[in-house]
């Protein structure tokens, strides 16, 4: 448990946006006004943490969704469950 890394505020915002249906790197990059590789890095870290997963790759886009685990763990910034945060 002690080896788990805390999410950065941007990664947390990314997780919330994915949970709300904004689920491609292009859409997220537009929302944050950053490059797609930057968003891909955040999503990769969230995927390694088990908080998001790939649901579809169609050749042009990769679609992500938040996993059930994301809503059972406490928010990394405030300690409340994500559905309450």
PDB file of N, CA and C in Angstrom:
ATOM      1  N   UNK A   1       0.811  -1.189   0.000  1.00  0.00           N
ATOM      2  CA  UNK A   1       0.000   0.000   0.000  1.00  0.00           C
ATOM      3  C   UNK A   1       0.857   1.258   0.000  1.00  0.00           C
ATOM      4  N   UNK A   2       1.952   1.260   0.721  1.00  0.00           N
ATOM      5  CA  UNK A   2       2.781   2.440   0.804  1.00  0.00           C
ATOM      6  C   UNK A   2       3.481   2.786  -0.490  1.00  0.00           C
ATOM      7  N   UNK A   3       3.569   1.822  -1.408  1.00  0.00           N
ATOM      8  CA  UNK A   3       4.256   2.082  -2.665  1.00  0.00           C
ATOM      9  C   UNK A   3       3.346   2.715  -3.712  1.00  0.00           C
ATOM     10  N   UNK A   4       2.044   2.870  -3.413  1.00  0.00           N
ATOM     11  CA  UNK A   4       1.139   3.476  -4.373  1.00  0.00           C
ATOM     12  C   UNK A   4       1.472   4.951  -4.524  1.00  0.00           C
ATOM     13  N   UNK A   5       1.431   5.417  -5.774  1.00  0.00           N
ATOM     14  CA  UNK A   5       1.730   6.812  -6.042  1.00  0.00           C
ATOM     15  C   UNK A   5       0.447   7.622  -6.031  1.00  0.00           C
ATOM     16  N   UNK A   6       0.534   8.827  -5.521  1.00  0.00           N
ATOM     17  CA  UNK A   6      -0.615   9.717  -5.549  1.00  0.00           C
ATOM     18  C   UNK A   6      -0.765  10.291  -6.946  1.00  0.00           C
ATOM     19  N   UNK A   7      -1.999  10.578  -7.307  1.00  0.00           N
ATOM     20  CA  UNK A   7      -2.270  11.190  -8.598  1.00  0.00           C
ATOM     21  C   UNK A   7      -1.990  12.679  -8.532  1.00  0.00           C
ATOM     22  N   UNK A   8      -1.523  13.223  -9.633  1.00  0.00           N
ATOM     23  CA  UNK A   8      -1.387  14.668  -9.728  1.00  0.00           C
ATOM     24  C   UNK A   8      -2.781  15.246  -9.942  1.00  0.00           C
ATOM     25  N   UNK A   9      -2.963  16.538  -9.689  1.00  0.00           N
ATOM     26  CA  UNK A   9      -4.278  17.139  -9.941  1.00  0.00           C
ATOM     27  C   UNK A   9      -4.739  16.949 -11.391  1.00  0.00           C
ATOM     28  N   UNK A  10      -3.828  17.051 -12.343  1.00  0.00           N
ATOM     29  CA  UNK A  10      -4.202  16.860 -13.755  1.00  0.00           C
ATOM     30  C   UNK A  10      -4.641  15.425 -14.024  1.00  0.00           C
ATOM     31  N   UNK A  11      -3.959  14.460 -13.432  1.00  0.00           N
ATOM     32  CA  UNK A  11      -4.353  13.060 -13.612  1.00  0.00           C
ATOM     33  C   UNK A  11      -5.728  12.816 -12.992  1.00  0.00           C
ATOM     34  N   UNK A  12      -5.977  13.432 -11.850  1.00  0.00           N
ATOM     35  CA  UNK A  12      -7.275  13.295 -11.204  1.00  0.00           C
ATOM     36  C   UNK A  12      -8.367  13.912 -12.073  1.00  0.00           C
ATOM     37  N   UNK A  13      -8.121  15.101 -12.622  1.00  0.00           N
ATOM     38  CA  UNK A  13      -9.085  15.735 -13.520  1.00  0.00           C
ATOM     39  C   UNK A  13      -9.312  14.872 -14.755  1.00  0.00           C
ATOM     40  N   UNK A  14      -8.243  14.264 -15.258  1.00  0.00           N
ATOM     41  CA  UNK A  14      -8.363  13.377 -16.410  1.00  0.00           C
ATOM     42  C   UNK A  14      -9.262  12.200 -16.073  1.00  0.00           C
ATOM     43  N   UNK A  15      -9.072  11.614 -14.902  1.00  0.00           N
ATOM     44  CA  UNK A  15      -9.900  10.492 -14.470  1.00  0.00           C
ATOM     45  C   UNK A  15     -11.368  10.896 -14.410  1.00  0.00           C
ATOM     46  N   UNK A  16     -11.655  12.059 -13.860  1.00  0.00           N
ATOM     47  CA  UNK A  16     -13.039  12.518 -13.775  1.00  0.00           C
ATOM     48  C   UNK A  16     -13.632  12.764 -15.156  1.00  0.00           C
ATOM     49  N   UNK A  17     -12.851  13.322 -16.071  1.00  0.00           N
ATOM     50  CA  UNK A  17     -13.344  13.561 -17.428  1.00  0.00           C
ATOM     51  C   UNK A  17     -13.628  12.240 -18.138  1.00  0.00           C
ATOM     52  N   UNK A  18     -12.756  11.252 -17.960  1.00  0.00           N
ATOM     53  CA  UNK A  18     -12.984   9.935 -18.565  1.00  0.00           C
ATOM     54  C   UNK A  18     -14.256   9.324 -17.985  1.00  0.00           C
ATOM     55  N   UNK A  19     -14.451   9.462 -16.689  1.00  0.00           N
ATOM     56  CA  UNK A  19     -15.659   8.923 -16.054  1.00  0.00           C
ATOM     57  C   UNK A  19     -16.920   9.603 -16.577  1.00  0.00           C
ATOM     58  N   UNK A  20     -16.789  10.848 -17.029  1.00  0.00           N
ATOM     59  CA  UNK A  20     -17.931  11.589 -17.562  1.00  0.00           C
ATOM     60  C   UNK A  20     -18.108  11.415 -19.065  1.00  0.00           C
ATOM     61  N   UNK A  21     -17.348  10.515 -19.680  1.00  0.00           N
ATOM     62  CA  UNK A  21     -17.567  10.197 -21.085  1.00  0.00           C
ATOM     63  C   UNK A  21     -16.644  10.879 -22.074  1.00  0.00           C
ATOM     64  N   UNK A  22     -15.713  11.683 -21.613  1.00  0.00           N
ATOM     65  CA  UNK A  22     -14.720  12.276 -22.511  1.00  0.00           C
ATOM     66  C   UNK A  22     -13.571  11.286 -22.529  1.00  0.00           C
ATOM     67  N   UNK A  23     -13.495  10.481 -23.599  1.00  0.00           N
ATOM     68  CA  UNK A  23     -12.675   9.286 -23.476  1.00  0.00           C
ATOM     69  C   UNK A  23     -11.649   9.037 -24.570  1.00  0.00           C
ATOM     70  N   UNK A  24     -11.255  10.045 -25.325  1.00  0.00           N
ATOM     71  CA  UNK A  24     -10.136   9.858 -26.249  1.00  0.00           C
ATOM     72  C   UNK A  24      -9.056  10.885 -25.921  1.00  0.00           C
ATOM     73  N   UNK A  25      -7.829  10.580 -26.308  1.00  0.00           N
ATOM     74  CA  UNK A  25      -6.734  11.519 -26.032  1.00  0.00           C
ATOM     75  C   UNK A  25      -6.968  12.848 -26.728  1.00  0.00           C
ATOM     76  N   UNK A  26      -7.569  12.821 -27.913  1.00  0.00           N
ATOM     77  CA  UNK A  26      -7.828  14.060 -28.650  1.00  0.00           C
ATOM     78  C   UNK A  26      -8.804  14.949 -27.888  1.00  0.00           C
ATOM     79  N   UNK A  27      -9.915  14.378 -27.421  1.00  0.00           N
ATOM     80  CA  UNK A  27     -10.900  15.157 -26.663  1.00  0.00           C
ATOM     81  C   UNK A  27     -10.304  15.709 -25.372  1.00  0.00           C
ATOM     82  N   UNK A  28      -9.548  14.881 -24.674  1.00  0.00           N
ATOM     83  CA  UNK A  28      -8.936  15.320 -23.419  1.00  0.00           C
ATOM     84  C   UNK A  28      -7.893  16.405 -23.663  1.00  0.00           C
ATOM     85  N   UNK A  29      -7.093  16.257 -24.708  1.00  0.00           N
ATOM     86  CA  UNK A  29      -6.071  17.259 -25.026  1.00  0.00           C
ATOM     87  C   UNK A  29      -6.718  18.608 -25.328  1.00  0.00           C
ATOM     88  N   UNK A  30      -7.834  18.595 -26.047  1.00  0.00           N
ATOM     89  CA  UNK A  30      -8.547  19.848 -26.328  1.00  0.00           C
ATOM     90  C   UNK A  30      -9.065  20.472 -25.040  1.00  0.00           C
ATOM     91  N   UNK A  31      -9.583  19.640 -24.146  1.00  0.00           N
ATOM     92  CA  UNK A  31     -10.120  20.146 -22.882  1.00  0.00           C
ATOM     93  C   UNK A  31      -9.059  20.771 -21.990  1.00  0.00           C
ATOM     94  N   UNK A  32      -7.868  20.200 -21.989  1.00  0.00           N
ATOM     95  CA  UNK A  32      -6.779  20.707 -21.151  1.00  0.00           C
ATOM     96  C   UNK A  32      -5.856  21.670 -21.888  1.00  0.00           C
ATOM     97  N   UNK A  33      -6.026  21.749 -23.204  1.00  0.00           N
ATOM     98  CA  UNK A  33      -5.161  22.585 -24.054  1.00  0.00           C
ATOM     99  C   UNK A  33      -3.694  22.185 -23.924  1.00  0.00           C
ATOM    100  N   UNK A  34      -3.482  20.869 -24.023  1.00  0.00           N
ATOM    101  CA  UNK A  34      -2.132  20.300 -24.019  1.00  0.00           C
ATOM    102  C   UNK A  34      -2.032  19.337 -25.196  1.00  0.00           C
ATOM    103  N   UNK A  35      -0.845  18.781 -25.409  1.00  0.00           N
ATOM    104  CA  UNK A  35      -0.657  17.860 -26.531  1.00  0.00           C
ATOM    105  C   UNK A  35      -1.215  16.472 -26.207  1.00  0.00           C
ATOM    106  N   UNK A  36      -1.520  15.722 -27.260  1.00  0.00           N
ATOM    107  CA  UNK A  36      -2.017  14.355 -27.082  1.00  0.00           C
ATOM    108  C   UNK A  36      -1.002  13.460 -26.372  1.00  0.00           C
ATOM    109  N   UNK A  37       0.312  13.570 -26.671  1.00  0.00           N
ATOM    110  CA  UNK A  37       1.273  12.738 -25.929  1.00  0.00           C
ATOM    111  C   UNK A  37       1.276  13.017 -24.420  1.00  0.00           C
ATOM    112  N   UNK A  38       1.026  14.257 -24.030  1.00  0.00           N
ATOM    113  CA  UNK A  38       0.943  14.589 -22.605  1.00  0.00           C
ATOM    114  C   UNK A  38      -0.225  13.855 -21.963  1.00  0.00           C
ATOM    115  N   UNK A  39      -1.387  13.915 -22.610  1.00  0.00           N
ATOM    116  CA  UNK A  39      -2.578  13.222 -22.102  1.00  0.00           C
ATOM    117  C   UNK A  39      -2.353  11.717 -22.110  1.00  0.00           C
ATOM    118  N   UNK A  40      -1.701  11.213 -23.145  1.00  0.00           N
ATOM    119  CA  UNK A  40      -1.420   9.773 -23.227  1.00  0.00           C
ATOM    120  C   UNK A  40      -0.573   9.323 -22.036  1.00  0.00           C
ATOM    121  N   UNK A  41       0.349  10.163 -21.604  1.00  0.00           N
ATOM    122  CA  UNK A  41       1.164   9.846 -20.428  1.00  0.00           C
ATOM    123  C   UNK A  41       0.321   9.758 -19.167  1.00  0.00           C
ATOM    124  N   UNK A  42      -0.614  10.703 -19.005  1.00  0.00           N
ATOM    125  CA  UNK A  42      -1.502  10.668 -17.838  1.00  0.00           C
ATOM    126  C   UNK A  42      -2.347   9.404 -17.867  1.00  0.00           C
ATOM    127  N   UNK A  43      -2.903   9.087 -19.048  1.00  0.00           N
ATOM    128  CA  UNK A  43      -3.759   7.904 -19.168  1.00  0.00           C
ATOM    129  C   UNK A  43      -2.970   6.621 -18.934  1.00  0.00           C
ATOM    130  N   UNK A  44      -1.722   6.609 -19.379  1.00  0.00           N
ATOM    131  CA  UNK A  44      -0.879   5.430 -19.167  1.00  0.00           C
ATOM    132  C   UNK A  44      -0.682   5.200 -17.669  1.00  0.00           C
ATOM    133  N   UNK A  45      -0.421   6.269 -16.943  1.00  0.00           N
ATOM    134  CA  UNK A  45      -0.224   6.144 -15.494  1.00  0.00           C
ATOM    135  C   UNK A  45      -1.510   5.709 -14.796  1.00  0.00           C
ATOM    136  N   UNK A  46      -2.647   6.258 -15.239  1.00  0.00           N
ATOM    137  CA  UNK A  46      -3.930   5.861 -14.668  1.00  0.00           C
ATOM    138  C   UNK A  46      -4.234   4.401 -14.984  1.00  0.00           C
ATOM    139  N   UNK A  47      -3.862   3.961 -16.180  1.00  0.00           N
ATOM    140  CA  UNK A  47      -4.075   2.561 -16.571  1.00  0.00           C
ATOM    141  C   UNK A  47      -3.206   1.638 -15.716  1.00  0.00           C
ATOM    142  N   UNK A  48      -1.957   2.030 -15.481  1.00  0.00           N
ATOM    143  CA  UNK A  48      -1.066   1.231 -14.643  1.00  0.00           C
ATOM    144  C   UNK A  48      -1.586   1.147 -13.208  1.00  0.00           C
ATOM    145  N   UNK A  49      -2.287   2.176 -12.767  1.00  0.00           N
ATOM    146  CA  UNK A  49      -2.873   2.183 -11.421  1.00  0.00           C
ATOM    147  C   UNK A  49      -4.169   1.385 -11.363  1.00  0.00           C
ATOM    148  N   UNK A  50      -4.695   0.998 -12.516  1.00  0.00           N
ATOM    149  CA  UNK A  50      -5.943   0.245 -12.561  1.00  0.00           C
ATOM    150  C   UNK A  50      -7.185   1.107 -12.473  1.00  0.00           C
ATOM    151  N   UNK A  51      -7.037   2.418 -12.666  1.00  0.00           N
ATOM    152  CA  UNK A  51      -8.173   3.327 -12.545  1.00  0.00           C
ATOM    153  C   UNK A  51      -8.899   3.553 -13.862  1.00  0.00           C
ATOM    154  N   UNK A  52      -8.218   3.376 -14.982  1.00  0.00           N
ATOM    155  CA  UNK A  52      -8.859   3.433 -16.298  1.00  0.00           C
ATOM    156  C   UNK A  52      -8.444   2.199 -17.084  1.00  0.00           C
ATOM    157  N   UNK A  53      -9.221   1.908 -18.111  1.00  0.00           N
ATOM    158  CA  UNK A  53      -8.912   0.770 -18.964  1.00  0.00           C
ATOM    159  C   UNK A  53      -9.260   1.130 -20.399  1.00  0.00           C
ATOM    160  N   UNK A  54      -8.624   0.458 -21.337  1.00  0.00           N
ATOM    161  CA  UNK A  54      -8.916   0.644 -22.754  1.00  0.00           C
ATOM    162  C   UNK A  54     -10.146  -0.189 -23.079  1.00  0.00           C
ATOM    163  N   UNK A  55     -11.145   0.434 -23.703  1.00  0.00           N
ATOM    164  CA  UNK A  55     -12.341  -0.316 -24.078  1.00  0.00           C
ATOM    165  C   UNK A  55     -12.401  -0.602 -25.568  1.00  0.00           C
ATOM    166  N   UNK A  56     -11.728   0.211 -26.385  1.00  0.00           N
ATOM    167  CA  UNK A  56     -11.790   0.015 -27.831  1.00  0.00           C
ATOM    168  C   UNK A  56     -10.616   0.715 -28.495  1.00  0.00           C
ATOM    169  N   UNK A  57     -10.026   0.046 -29.445  1.00  0.00           N
ATOM    170  CA  UNK A  57      -9.036   0.663 -30.339  1.00  0.00           C
ATOM    171  C   UNK A  57      -9.570   0.464 -31.743  1.00  0.00           C
ATOM    172  N   UNK A  58      -9.854   1.549 -32.462  1.00  0.00           N
ATOM    173  CA  UNK A  58     -10.428   1.401 -33.794  1.00  0.00           C
ATOM    174  C   UNK A  58      -9.461   1.767 -34.916  1.00  0.00           C
ATOM    175  N   UNK A  59      -8.192   1.843 -34.616  1.00  0.00           N
ATOM    176  CA  UNK A  59      -7.199   2.185 -35.624  1.00  0.00           C
ATOM    177  C   UNK A  59      -6.843   3.659 -35.611  1.00  0.00           C
ATOM    178  N   UNK A  60      -7.814   4.522 -35.345  1.00  0.00           N
ATOM    179  CA  UNK A  60      -7.556   5.953 -35.293  1.00  0.00           C
ATOM    180  C   UNK A  60      -7.537   6.461 -33.849  1.00  0.00           C
ATOM    181  N   UNK A  61      -8.447   5.979 -33.052  1.00  0.00           N
ATOM    182  CA  UNK A  61      -8.561   6.432 -31.672  1.00  0.00           C
ATOM    183  C   UNK A  61      -8.488   5.253 -30.711  1.00  0.00           C
ATOM    184  N   UNK A  62      -8.115   5.557 -29.486  1.00  0.00           N
ATOM    185  CA  UNK A  62      -8.199   4.601 -28.389  1.00  0.00           C
ATOM    186  C   UNK A  62      -9.177   5.192 -27.390  1.00  0.00           C
ATOM    187  N   UNK A  63     -10.172   4.422 -27.028  1.00  0.00           N
ATOM    188  CA  UNK A  63     -11.201   4.881 -26.102  1.00  0.00           C
ATOM    189  C   UNK A  63     -10.947   4.293 -24.715  1.00  0.00           C
ATOM    190  N   UNK A  64     -11.087   5.133 -23.703  1.00  0.00           N
ATOM    191  CA  UNK A  64     -10.832   4.738 -22.320  1.00  0.00           C
ATOM    192  C   UNK A  64     -12.111   4.830 -21.500  1.00  0.00           C
ATOM    193  N   UNK A  65     -12.171   4.067 -20.431  1.00  0.00           N
ATOM    194  CA  UNK A  65     -13.266   4.194 -19.466  1.00  0.00           C
ATOM    195  C   UNK A  65     -12.673   4.070 -18.067  1.00  0.00           C
ATOM    196  N   UNK A  66     -13.365   4.663 -17.108  1.00  0.00           N
ATOM    197  CA  UNK A  66     -12.952   4.531 -15.706  1.00  0.00           C
ATOM    198  C   UNK A  66     -13.405   3.165 -15.209  1.00  0.00           C
ATOM    199  N   UNK A  67     -12.576   2.524 -14.428  1.00  0.00           N
ATOM    200  CA  UNK A  67     -12.926   1.211 -13.882  1.00  0.00           C
ATOM    201  C   UNK A  67     -13.721   1.383 -12.594  1.00  0.00           C
ATOM    202  N   UNK A  68     -14.357   0.319 -12.156  1.00  0.00           N
ATOM    203  CA  UNK A  68     -15.084   0.352 -10.890  1.00  0.00           C
ATOM    204  C   UNK A  68     -14.172   0.648  -9.720  1.00  0.00           C
ATOM    205  N   UNK A  69     -12.907   0.243  -9.843  1.00  0.00           N
ATOM    206  CA  UNK A  69     -11.934   0.479  -8.769  1.00  0.00           C
ATOM    207  C   UNK A  69     -11.763   1.971  -8.505  1.00  0.00           C
ATOM    208  N   UNK A  70     -11.896   2.784  -9.545  1.00  0.00           N
ATOM    209  CA  UNK A  70     -11.714   4.221  -9.394  1.00  0.00           C
ATOM    210  C   UNK A  70     -12.712   4.812  -8.409  1.00  0.00           C
ATOM    211  N   UNK A  71     -13.878   4.217  -8.304  1.00  0.00           N
ATOM    212  CA  UNK A  71     -14.910   4.785  -7.451  1.00  0.00           C
ATOM    213  C   UNK A  71     -14.959   4.150  -6.075  1.00  0.00           C
ATOM    214  N   UNK A  72     -14.161   3.115  -5.858  1.00  0.00           N
ATOM    215  CA  UNK A  72     -14.093   2.482  -4.548  1.00  0.00           C
ATOM    216  C   UNK A  72     -12.927   3.025  -3.731  1.00  0.00           C
ATOM    217  N   UNK A  73     -11.931   3.582  -4.412  1.00  0.00           N
ATOM    218  CA  UNK A  73     -10.771   4.121  -3.710  1.00  0.00           C
ATOM    219  C   UNK A  73     -11.039   5.561  -3.301  1.00  0.00           C
ATOM    220  N   UNK A  74     -10.402   6.021  -2.243  1.00  0.00           N
ATOM    221  CA  UNK A  74     -10.571   7.420  -1.865  1.00  0.00           C
ATOM    222  C   UNK A  74      -9.885   8.347  -2.864  1.00  0.00           C
ATOM    223  N   UNK A  75     -10.426   9.524  -2.970  1.00  0.00           N
ATOM    224  CA  UNK A  75      -9.842  10.557  -3.824  1.00  0.00           C
ATOM    225  C   UNK A  75      -8.420  10.828  -3.341  1.00  0.00           C
ATOM    226  N   UNK A  76      -7.455  10.887  -4.261  1.00  0.00           N
ATOM    227  CA  UNK A  76      -6.073  11.085  -3.839  1.00  0.00           C
ATOM    228  C   UNK A  76      -5.800  12.469  -3.279  1.00  0.00           C
ATOM    229  N   UNK A  77      -6.693  13.429  -3.529  1.00  0.00           N
ATOM    230  CA  UNK A  77      -6.431  14.771  -3.041  1.00  0.00           C
ATOM    231  C   UNK A  77      -7.233  15.130  -1.796  1.00  0.00           C
ATOM    232  N   UNK A  78      -8.453  14.564  -1.655  1.00  0.00           N
ATOM    233  CA  UNK A  78      -9.264  14.965  -0.504  1.00  0.00           C
ATOM    234  C   UNK A  78      -9.639  13.810   0.417  1.00  0.00           C
ATOM    235  N   UNK A  79      -9.408  12.551  -0.004  1.00  0.00           N
ATOM    236  CA  UNK A  79      -9.678  11.416   0.853  1.00  0.00           C
ATOM    237  C   UNK A  79     -11.096  10.877   0.803  1.00  0.00           C
ATOM    238  N   UNK A  80     -12.025  11.580   0.122  1.00  0.00           N
ATOM    239  CA  UNK A  80     -13.400  11.104   0.003  1.00  0.00           C
ATOM    240  C   UNK A  80     -13.506  10.150  -1.186  1.00  0.00           C
ATOM    241  N   UNK A  81     -14.511   9.273  -1.189  1.00  0.00           N
ATOM    242  CA  UNK A  81     -14.726   8.466  -2.397  1.00  0.00           C
ATOM    243  C   UNK A  81     -14.980   9.384  -3.596  1.00  0.00           C
ATOM    244  N   UNK A  82     -14.547   8.984  -4.780  1.00  0.00           N
ATOM    245  CA  UNK A  82     -14.646   9.850  -5.950  1.00  0.00           C
ATOM    246  C   UNK A  82     -16.073  10.286  -6.240  1.00  0.00           C
ATOM    247  N   UNK A  83     -17.041   9.422  -5.987  1.00  0.00           N
ATOM    248  CA  UNK A  83     -18.411   9.807  -6.295  1.00  0.00           C
ATOM    249  C   UNK A  83     -18.893  10.950  -5.401  1.00  0.00           C
ATOM    250  N   UNK A  84     -18.249  11.160  -4.252  1.00  0.00           N
ATOM    251  CA  UNK A  84     -18.600  12.263  -3.362  1.00  0.00           C
ATOM    252  C   UNK A  84     -17.722  13.483  -3.590  1.00  0.00           C
ATOM    253  N   UNK A  85     -16.552  13.291  -4.201  1.00  0.00           N
ATOM    254  CA  UNK A  85     -15.582  14.381  -4.344  1.00  0.00           C
ATOM    255  C   UNK A  85     -16.076  15.454  -5.290  1.00  0.00           C
TER     256      UNK A  85
END
